[in-house]
Amino acid sequence: MSFWNTKAFRISAIVVAALLTIFLIIGSIGYSKAGKFIKEFEEDFKRISETDQFKTRITKLKQTNSVLLMMHEVFKFIWILDINKNDKTREKFIEAIKTKDSFKIFECLAELDRNKVVEAMDLSCLLAFDPEKISKLKPKFGFFATIGFLFRKRHPMKDIYKISEKIGIKLKDCEKSALILILFLDILDDKKIEISEFDYDKIKHNFDFSSDTFILNPLKRNDKTYISADFIIYLAEKAATDSEAIIEELKQNLILAIKENMPK
């Protein structure tokens, strides 16, 4: 008797057909759910990118391609390093980052004064942020959406959330310890971002350094192409706090806090 006519074959065929049906149902539901997350992200990105504040910040960032994020128990800020292109302190700071000279990083920051901090905030170059907003930026996709993303073209949304997750984890580590965290985001080109991380343990007085490169595919919508710089400003906008108390604290005490926590 031919195998194709046996009971075992019929049972196997039914099982395979059932599994394929289940797989297709899961894939279809997942594809739809993943699409909803992408749509929500794009609507939110569109809303933020159309604000005057976003346009001001993206213009400044595209001139320098450099963003600093710094966190300590007293101060938490994101700084687009474009206060004054001829500012020697700024040039020294970027050089210190490039050469991984942690002491000089603090030295350069300590050379700033309160007027520059206020000026940077007024120019929208400097903003206070809430660590919780970064940590909670990525939504919970769930099982179906996670499967659905496997069937969809790579979207920059996932890359943005990957960056926010990395930053969020570091911020949580910083909150639990005596670390001062410095993240330097260097936009290498339209698709690549290098994040250099400096951790300073003010109890042990030592530094740790690491860096990662992230690739973000451009997002094309309505004859516009958004690139890596746009995504970094989007992250900054999502993390920013409008708390007047926090902003005033940053204006008044940022420089003092930096000087007090300088490496010995």
C-alpha atoms as a PDB file:
ATOM      1  CA  MET A   1       0.000   0.000   0.000  1.00  0.00           C
ATOM      2  CA  SER A   2       1.366   3.407  -1.012  1.00  0.00           C
ATOM      3  CA  PHE A   3       2.414   5.696   1.841  1.00  0.00           C
ATOM      4  CA  TRP A   4       0.330   8.489   0.310  1.00  0.00           C
ATOM      5  CA  ASN A   5      -2.812   6.458   0.950  1.00  0.00           C
ATOM      6  CA  THR A   6      -1.987   5.454   4.509  1.00  0.00           C
ATOM      7  CA  LYS A   7      -3.666   6.691   7.666  1.00  0.00           C
ATOM      8  CA  ALA A   8      -0.335   8.034   8.934  1.00  0.00           C
ATOM      9  CA  PHE A   9       0.008  10.286   5.904  1.00  0.00           C
ATOM     10  CA  ARG A  10      -3.535  11.608   6.266  1.00  0.00           C
ATOM     11  CA  ILE A  11      -2.941  12.400   9.933  1.00  0.00           C
ATOM     12  CA  SER A  12       0.379  14.081   9.119  1.00  0.00           C
ATOM     13  CA  ALA A  13      -1.260  16.124   6.367  1.00  0.00           C
ATOM     14  CA  ILE A  14      -4.021  17.279   8.718  1.00  0.00           C
ATOM     15  CA  VAL A  15      -1.474  18.259  11.400  1.00  0.00           C
ATOM     16  CA  VAL A  16       0.685  20.166   8.899  1.00  0.00           C
ATOM     17  CA  ALA A  17      -2.369  21.938   7.455  1.00  0.00           C
ATOM     18  CA  ALA A  18      -3.544  22.879  10.958  1.00  0.00           C
ATOM     19  CA  LEU A  19      -0.108  24.216  11.903  1.00  0.00           C
ATOM     20  CA  LEU A  20       0.110  26.237   8.688  1.00  0.00           C
ATOM     21  CA  THR A  21      -3.353  27.671   9.338  1.00  0.00           C
ATOM     22  CA  ILE A  22      -2.395  28.649  12.894  1.00  0.00           C
ATOM     23  CA  PHE A  23       0.872  30.125  11.638  1.00  0.00           C
ATOM     24  CA  LEU A  24      -0.944  32.180   8.994  1.00  0.00           C
ATOM     25  CA  ILE A  25      -3.506  33.406  11.534  1.00  0.00           C
ATOM     26  CA  ILE A  26      -0.778  34.439  13.997  1.00  0.00           C
ATOM     27  CA  GLY A  27       1.210  36.077  11.192  1.00  0.00           C
ATOM     28  CA  SER A  28      -1.841  37.943   9.920  1.00  0.00           C
ATOM     29  CA  ILE A  29      -2.841  39.205  13.374  1.00  0.00           C
ATOM     30  CA  GLY A  30       0.771  40.094  14.158  1.00  0.00           C
ATOM     31  CA  TYR A  31       1.258  41.929  10.870  1.00  0.00           C
ATOM     32  CA  SER A  32      -1.820  44.034  11.597  1.00  0.00           C
ATOM     33  CA  LYS A  33      -0.800  44.804  15.196  1.00  0.00           C
ATOM     34  CA  ALA A  34       2.747  45.718  14.147  1.00  0.00           C
ATOM     35  CA  GLY A  35       1.250  48.058  11.556  1.00  0.00           C
ATOM     36  CA  LYS A  36      -0.761  49.816  14.268  1.00  0.00           C
ATOM     37  CA  PHE A  37       2.370  50.465  16.328  1.00  0.00           C
ATOM     38  CA  ILE A  38       4.147  51.835  13.256  1.00  0.00           C
ATOM     39  CA  LYS A  39       1.179  54.063  12.421  1.00  0.00           C
ATOM     40  CA  GLU A  40       0.999  55.433  15.983  1.00  0.00           C
ATOM     41  CA  PHE A  41       4.729  56.129  15.958  1.00  0.00           C
ATOM     42  CA  GLU A  42       4.605  57.924  12.607  1.00  0.00           C
ATOM     43  CA  GLU A  43       1.659  60.064  13.713  1.00  0.00           C
ATOM     44  CA  ASP A  44       3.488  61.022  16.915  1.00  0.00           C
ATOM     45  CA  PHE A  45       6.717  61.695  15.010  1.00  0.00           C
ATOM     46  CA  LYS A  46       4.843  63.859  12.500  1.00  0.00           C
ATOM     47  CA  ARG A  47       3.167  65.841  15.304  1.00  0.00           C
ATOM     48  CA  ILE A  48       6.461  66.536  17.087  1.00  0.00           C
ATOM     49  CA  SER A  49       8.492  67.232  13.931  1.00  0.00           C
ATOM     50  CA  GLU A  50       6.053  69.957  12.903  1.00  0.00           C
ATOM     51  CA  THR A  51       6.559  72.003  16.082  1.00  0.00           C
ATOM     52  CA  ASP A  52       8.670  75.164  15.995  1.00  0.00           C
ATOM     53  CA  GLN A  53      10.830  73.852  18.829  1.00  0.00           C
ATOM     54  CA  PHE A  54      11.706  70.694  16.879  1.00  0.00           C
ATOM     55  CA  LYS A  55      12.573  72.746  13.789  1.00  0.00           C
ATOM     56  CA  THR A  56      14.812  75.061  15.830  1.00  0.00           C
ATOM     57  CA  ARG A  57      16.665  72.185  17.451  1.00  0.00           C
ATOM     58  CA  ILE A  58      17.098  70.122  14.297  1.00  0.00           C
ATOM     59  CA  THR A  59      18.571  73.147  12.512  1.00  0.00           C
ATOM     60  CA  LYS A  60      21.154  73.549  15.280  1.00  0.00           C
ATOM     61  CA  LEU A  61      21.936  69.839  15.454  1.00  0.00           C
ATOM     62  CA  LYS A  62      22.535  69.526  11.712  1.00  0.00           C
ATOM     63  CA  GLN A  63      25.212  72.216  12.040  1.00  0.00           C
ATOM     64  CA  THR A  64      27.273  70.330  14.629  1.00  0.00           C
ATOM     65  CA  ASN A  65      26.021  66.718  14.719  1.00  0.00           C
ATOM     66  CA  SER A  66      26.829  66.539  18.439  1.00  0.00           C
ATOM     67  CA  VAL A  67      24.576  65.970  21.438  1.00  0.00           C
ATOM     68  CA  LEU A  68      25.546  65.536  25.072  1.00  0.00           C
ATOM     69  CA  LEU A  69      23.381  63.790  27.656  1.00  0.00           C
ATOM     70  CA  MET A  70      24.536  64.034  31.248  1.00  0.00           C
ATOM     71  CA  MET A  71      22.982  62.703  34.408  1.00  0.00           C
ATOM     72  CA  HIS A  72      23.745  62.887  38.091  1.00  0.00           C
ATOM     73  CA  GLU A  73      21.491  62.973  41.135  1.00  0.00           C
ATOM     74  CA  VAL A  74      21.475  66.778  40.984  1.00  0.00           C
ATOM     75  CA  PHE A  75      21.316  67.471  37.251  1.00  0.00           C
ATOM     76  CA  LYS A  76      19.892  65.771  34.178  1.00  0.00           C
ATOM     77  CA  PHE A  77      20.247  67.522  30.852  1.00  0.00           C
ATOM     78  CA  ILE A  78      20.538  67.123  27.088  1.00  0.00           C
ATOM     79  CA  TRP A  79      22.747  69.655  25.332  1.00  0.00           C
ATOM     80  CA  ILE A  80      22.966  70.310  21.597  1.00  0.00           C
ATOM     81  CA  LEU A  81      26.542  71.546  21.381  1.00  0.00           C
ATOM     82  CA  ASP A  82      25.944  74.625  19.302  1.00  0.00           C
ATOM     83  CA  ILE A  83      26.070  77.647  21.556  1.00  0.00           C
ATOM     84  CA  ASN A  84      28.784  79.423  19.660  1.00  0.00           C
ATOM     85  CA  LYS A  85      30.732  77.822  16.834  1.00  0.00           C
ATOM     86  CA  ASN A  86      33.825  79.847  17.707  1.00  0.00           C
ATOM     87  CA  ASP A  87      33.649  78.938  21.377  1.00  0.00           C
ATOM     88  CA  LYS A  88      37.025  77.447  22.378  1.00  0.00           C
ATOM     89  CA  THR A  89      35.435  75.621  25.307  1.00  0.00           C
ATOM     90  CA  ARG A  90      33.120  73.817  22.918  1.00  0.00           C
ATOM     91  CA  GLU A  91      36.027  72.867  20.640  1.00  0.00           C
ATOM     92  CA  LYS A  92      38.043  71.590  23.601  1.00  0.00           C
ATOM     93  CA  PHE A  93      35.065  69.601  24.807  1.00  0.00           C
ATOM     94  CA  ILE A  94      34.529  67.819  21.491  1.00  0.00           C
ATOM     95  CA  GLU A  95      38.258  67.088  21.305  1.00  0.00           C
ATOM     96  CA  ALA A  96      38.127  65.634  24.837  1.00  0.00           C
ATOM     97  CA  ILE A  97      35.242  63.383  23.779  1.00  0.00           C
ATOM     98  CA  LYS A  98      37.056  62.222  20.649  1.00  0.00           C
ATOM     99  CA  THR A  99      40.231  61.408  22.588  1.00  0.00           C
ATOM    100  CA  LYS A 100      38.264  59.801  25.451  1.00  0.00           C
ATOM    101  CA  ASP A 101      39.850  62.164  27.958  1.00  0.00           C
ATOM    102  CA  SER A 102      37.320  61.964  30.784  1.00  0.00           C
ATOM    103  CA  PHE A 103      39.056  64.471  33.057  1.00  0.00           C
ATOM    104  CA  LYS A 104      39.119  67.109  30.314  1.00  0.00           C
ATOM    105  CA  ILE A 105      35.411  66.573  29.698  1.00  0.00           C
ATOM    106  CA  PHE A 106      34.647  67.718  33.238  1.00  0.00           C
ATOM    107  CA  GLU A 107      37.260  70.436  32.988  1.00  0.00           C
ATOM    108  CA  CYS A 108      35.556  71.858  29.898  1.00  0.00           C
ATOM    109  CA  LEU A 109      32.107  71.683  31.465  1.00  0.00           C
ATOM    110  CA  ALA A 110      33.401  73.446  34.562  1.00  0.00           C
ATOM    111  CA  GLU A 111      34.639  76.316  32.375  1.00  0.00           C
ATOM    112  CA  LEU A 112      31.079  77.136  31.392  1.00  0.00           C
ATOM    113  CA  ASP A 113      29.264  79.763  33.368  1.00  0.00           C
ATOM    114  CA  ARG A 114      25.646  80.295  34.334  1.00  0.00           C
ATOM    115  CA  ASN A 115      25.118  82.861  31.562  1.00  0.00           C
ATOM    116  CA  LYS A 116      26.008  80.259  28.946  1.00  0.00           C
ATOM    117  CA  VAL A 117      23.645  77.761  30.526  1.00  0.00           C
ATOM    118  CA  VAL A 118      20.771  80.246  30.474  1.00  0.00           C
ATOM    119  CA  GLU A 119      21.679  81.316  26.934  1.00  0.00           C
ATOM    120  CA  ALA A 120      21.717  77.709  25.749  1.00  0.00           C
ATOM    121  CA  MET A 121      18.320  77.075  27.315  1.00  0.00           C
ATOM    122  CA  ASP A 122      16.887  80.216  25.751  1.00  0.00           C
ATOM    123  CA  LEU A 123      18.201  79.075  22.355  1.00  0.00           C
ATOM    124  CA  SER A 124      16.594  75.656  22.886  1.00  0.00           C
ATOM    125  CA  CYS A 125      20.049  74.019  22.849  1.00  0.00           C
ATOM    126  CA  LEU A 126      19.841  72.854  26.457  1.00  0.00           C
ATOM    127  CA  LEU A 127      16.906  71.046  27.998  1.00  0.00           C
ATOM    128  CA  ALA A 128      16.173  69.214  31.214  1.00  0.00           C
ATOM    129  CA  PHE A 129      14.903  65.664  30.855  1.00  0.00           C
ATOM    130  CA  ASP A 130      12.992  63.074  32.837  1.00  0.00           C
ATOM    131  CA  PRO A 131      14.705  59.629  32.922  1.00  0.00           C
ATOM    132  CA  GLU A 132      11.325  57.916  33.281  1.00  0.00           C
ATOM    133  CA  LYS A 133      10.195  59.289  29.942  1.00  0.00           C
ATOM    134  CA  ILE A 134      13.144  57.681  28.172  1.00  0.00           C
ATOM    135  CA  SER A 135      12.752  54.364  29.984  1.00  0.00           C
ATOM    136  CA  LYS A 136       9.055  54.151  29.121  1.00  0.00           C
ATOM    137  CA  LEU A 137       9.273  55.407  25.542  1.00  0.00           C
ATOM    138  CA  LYS A 138       9.137  51.964  23.964  1.00  0.00           C
ATOM    139  CA  PRO A 139       5.613  50.496  24.114  1.00  0.00           C
ATOM    140  CA  LYS A 140       4.955  46.868  25.026  1.00  0.00           C
ATOM    141  CA  PHE A 141       4.563  45.173  21.659  1.00  0.00           C
ATOM    142  CA  GLY A 142       3.272  41.851  22.929  1.00  0.00           C
ATOM    143  CA  PHE A 143       3.569  38.431  21.295  1.00  0.00           C
ATOM    144  CA  PHE A 144       1.553  39.029  18.126  1.00  0.00           C
ATOM    145  CA  ALA A 145       3.152  42.366  17.199  1.00  0.00           C
ATOM    146  CA  THR A 146       6.635  40.956  17.840  1.00  0.00           C
ATOM    147  CA  ILE A 147       5.897  38.149  15.364  1.00  0.00           C
ATOM    148  CA  GLY A 148       4.327  40.646  12.964  1.00  0.00           C
ATOM    149  CA  PHE A 149       7.480  42.770  12.794  1.00  0.00           C
ATOM    150  CA  LEU A 150       9.295  39.758  11.314  1.00  0.00           C
ATOM    151  CA  PHE A 151       7.121  40.083   8.217  1.00  0.00           C
ATOM    152  CA  ARG A 152       7.489  43.838   7.854  1.00  0.00           C
ATOM    153  CA  LYS A 153      10.224  45.919   6.298  1.00  0.00           C
ATOM    154  CA  ARG A 154      12.737  47.235   8.832  1.00  0.00           C
ATOM    155  CA  HIS A 155      11.340  50.481  10.249  1.00  0.00           C
ATOM    156  CA  PRO A 156      13.438  53.179  12.020  1.00  0.00           C
ATOM    157  CA  MET A 157      10.956  53.069  14.896  1.00  0.00           C
ATOM    158  CA  LYS A 158      12.565  49.864  16.183  1.00  0.00           C
ATOM    159  CA  ASP A 159      16.049  51.368  15.938  1.00  0.00           C
ATOM    160  CA  ILE A 160      14.917  54.463  17.840  1.00  0.00           C
ATOM    161  CA  TYR A 161      13.429  52.301  20.580  1.00  0.00           C
ATOM    162  CA  LYS A 162      16.646  50.260  20.690  1.00  0.00           C
ATOM    163  CA  ILE A 163      18.595  53.451  21.401  1.00  0.00           C
ATOM    164  CA  SER A 164      16.064  54.629  23.994  1.00  0.00           C
ATOM    165  CA  GLU A 165      16.274  51.227  25.722  1.00  0.00           C
ATOM    166  CA  LYS A 166      20.066  51.417  25.925  1.00  0.00           C
ATOM    167  CA  ILE A 167      19.937  54.939  27.328  1.00  0.00           C
ATOM    168  CA  GLY A 168      17.109  54.002  29.704  1.00  0.00           C
ATOM    169  CA  ILE A 169      19.082  51.075  31.156  1.00  0.00           C
ATOM    170  CA  LYS A 170      22.123  53.290  31.728  1.00  0.00           C
ATOM    171  CA  LEU A 171      19.997  55.956  33.402  1.00  0.00           C
ATOM    172  CA  LYS A 172      18.533  53.388  35.795  1.00  0.00           C
ATOM    173  CA  ASP A 173      22.016  52.114  36.636  1.00  0.00           C
ATOM    174  CA  CYS A 174      23.095  55.685  37.301  1.00  0.00           C
ATOM    175  CA  GLU A 175      20.143  56.337  39.624  1.00  0.00           C
ATOM    176  CA  LYS A 176      21.018  53.279  41.712  1.00  0.00           C
ATOM    177  CA  SER A 177      24.685  54.131  42.146  1.00  0.00           C
ATOM    178  CA  ALA A 178      27.145  56.938  42.695  1.00  0.00           C
ATOM    179  CA  LEU A 179      27.836  57.212  38.978  1.00  0.00           C
ATOM    180  CA  ILE A 180      27.896  60.333  36.882  1.00  0.00           C
ATOM    181  CA  LEU A 181      26.804  59.355  33.400  1.00  0.00           C
ATOM    182  CA  ILE A 182      27.897  61.149  30.246  1.00  0.00           C
ATOM    183  CA  LEU A 183      26.579  60.048  26.866  1.00  0.00           C
ATOM    184  CA  PHE A 184      27.935  61.697  23.744  1.00  0.00           C
ATOM    185  CA  LEU A 185      25.835  61.154  20.625  1.00  0.00           C
ATOM    186  CA  ASP A 186      27.842  61.724  17.487  1.00  0.00           C
ATOM    187  CA  ILE A 187      25.918  61.710  14.208  1.00  0.00           C
ATOM    188  CA  LEU A 188      28.314  60.095  11.744  1.00  0.00           C
ATOM    189  CA  ASP A 189      26.067  60.365   8.689  1.00  0.00           C
ATOM    190  CA  ASP A 190      22.405  60.186   7.667  1.00  0.00           C
ATOM    191  CA  LYS A 191      22.113  56.616   8.953  1.00  0.00           C
ATOM    192  CA  LYS A 192      24.759  56.126  11.639  1.00  0.00           C
ATOM    193  CA  ILE A 193      24.957  57.332  15.228  1.00  0.00           C
ATOM    194  CA  GLU A 194      27.823  56.578  17.588  1.00  0.00           C
ATOM    195  CA  ILE A 195      27.062  56.722  21.291  1.00  0.00           C
ATOM    196  CA  SER A 196      30.112  57.110  23.527  1.00  0.00           C
ATOM    197  CA  GLU A 197      29.509  56.407  27.192  1.00  0.00           C
ATOM    198  CA  PHE A 198      31.549  57.717  30.116  1.00  0.00           C
ATOM    199  CA  ASP A 199      30.788  56.514  33.644  1.00  0.00           C
ATOM    200  CA  TYR A 200      32.533  58.312  36.478  1.00  0.00           C
ATOM    201  CA  ASP A 201      32.358  56.696  39.903  1.00  0.00           C
ATOM    202  CA  LYS A 202      32.847  59.607  42.267  1.00  0.00           C
ATOM    203  CA  ILE A 203      33.469  57.283  45.221  1.00  0.00           C
ATOM    204  CA  LYS A 204      36.146  55.133  43.583  1.00  0.00           C
ATOM    205  CA  HIS A 205      37.279  58.021  41.362  1.00  0.00           C
ATOM    206  CA  ASN A 206      37.556  55.936  38.216  1.00  0.00           C
ATOM    207  CA  PHE A 207      36.148  56.092  34.685  1.00  0.00           C
ATOM    208  CA  ASP A 208      34.696  53.474  32.371  1.00  0.00           C
ATOM    209  CA  PHE A 209      34.350  54.068  28.657  1.00  0.00           C
ATOM    210  CA  SER A 210      32.420  52.228  25.949  1.00  0.00           C
ATOM    211  CA  SER A 211      30.866  53.036  22.599  1.00  0.00           C
ATOM    212  CA  ASP A 212      28.272  51.576  20.235  1.00  0.00           C
ATOM    213  CA  THR A 213      27.249  52.422  16.708  1.00  0.00           C
ATOM    214  CA  PHE A 214      23.591  52.316  15.689  1.00  0.00           C
ATOM    215  CA  ILE A 215      22.166  52.273  12.175  1.00  0.00           C
ATOM    216  CA  LEU A 216      18.815  53.969  11.581  1.00  0.00           C
ATOM    217  CA  ASN A 217      17.133  53.638   8.228  1.00  0.00           C
ATOM    218  CA  PRO A 218      15.656  56.897   6.864  1.00  0.00           C
ATOM    219  CA  LEU A 219      11.928  57.465   7.144  1.00  0.00           C
ATOM    220  CA  LYS A 220      10.235  58.775   4.002  1.00  0.00           C
ATOM    221  CA  ARG A 221       6.850  60.419   4.410  1.00  0.00           C
ATOM    222  CA  ASN A 222       5.024  62.984   2.258  1.00  0.00           C
ATOM    223  CA  ASP A 223       8.022  63.899   0.082  1.00  0.00           C
ATOM    224  CA  LYS A 224      10.183  64.345   3.207  1.00  0.00           C
ATOM    225  CA  THR A 225      13.060  62.149   4.294  1.00  0.00           C
ATOM    226  CA  TYR A 226      13.883  62.035   7.996  1.00  0.00           C
ATOM    227  CA  ILE A 227      17.384  60.935   8.980  1.00  0.00           C
ATOM    228  CA  SER A 228      19.399  60.113  12.098  1.00  0.00           C
ATOM    229  CA  ALA A 229      19.565  63.725  13.332  1.00  0.00           C
ATOM    230  CA  ASP A 230      15.760  64.000  13.200  1.00  0.00           C
ATOM    231  CA  PHE A 231      15.397  60.845  15.272  1.00  0.00           C
ATOM    232  CA  ILE A 232      17.782  62.120  17.960  1.00  0.00           C
ATOM    233  CA  ILE A 233      15.806  65.346  18.318  1.00  0.00           C
ATOM    234  CA  TYR A 234      12.613  63.283  18.477  1.00  0.00           C
ATOM    235  CA  LEU A 235      14.107  61.336  21.399  1.00  0.00           C
ATOM    236  CA  ALA A 236      15.134  64.582  23.098  1.00  0.00           C
ATOM    237  CA  GLU A 237      11.649  66.035  22.686  1.00  0.00           C
ATOM    238  CA  LYS A 238      10.043  62.895  24.115  1.00  0.00           C
ATOM    239  CA  ALA A 239      12.380  62.952  27.127  1.00  0.00           C
ATOM    240  CA  ALA A 240      12.180  66.689  27.850  1.00  0.00           C
ATOM    241  CA  THR A 241      10.370  67.949  30.912  1.00  0.00           C
ATOM    242  CA  ASP A 242       8.502  71.238  31.114  1.00  0.00           C
ATOM    243  CA  SER A 243       8.690  71.320  34.914  1.00  0.00           C
ATOM    244  CA  GLU A 244       9.585  74.900  35.828  1.00  0.00           C
ATOM    245  CA  ALA A 245      11.150  73.740  39.108  1.00  0.00           C
ATOM    246  CA  ILE A 246      13.521  71.330  37.334  1.00  0.00           C
ATOM    247  CA  ILE A 247      14.416  73.879  34.667  1.00  0.00           C
ATOM    248  CA  GLU A 248      15.135  76.568  37.262  1.00  0.00           C
ATOM    249  CA  GLU A 249      17.253  74.119  39.274  1.00  0.00           C
ATOM    250  CA  LEU A 250      19.259  73.373  36.139  1.00  0.00           C
ATOM    251  CA  LYS A 251      19.809  77.066  35.435  1.00  0.00           C
ATOM    252  CA  GLN A 252      20.876  77.869  38.968  1.00  0.00           C
ATOM    253  CA  ASN A 253      22.958  74.879  39.998  1.00  0.00           C
ATOM    254  CA  LEU A 254      24.281  73.024  36.945  1.00  0.00           C
ATOM    255  CA  ILE A 255      27.723  74.625  36.906  1.00  0.00           C
ATOM    256  CA  LEU A 256      28.070  74.428  40.696  1.00  0.00           C
ATOM    257  CA  ALA A 257      27.153  70.728  40.670  1.00  0.00           C
ATOM    258  CA  ILE A 258      29.648  69.977  37.899  1.00  0.00           C
ATOM    259  CA  LYS A 259      32.462  71.735  39.771  1.00  0.00           C
ATOM    260  CA  GLU A 260      31.615  69.978  43.031  1.00  0.00           C
ATOM    261  CA  ASN A 261      31.735  66.592  41.315  1.00  0.00           C
ATOM    262  CA  MET A 262      34.918  67.147  39.334  1.00  0.00           C
ATOM    263  CA  PRO A 263      37.320  64.169  39.410  1.00  0.00           C
ATOM    264  CA  LYS A 264      39.963  64.618  42.102  1.00  0.00           C
END
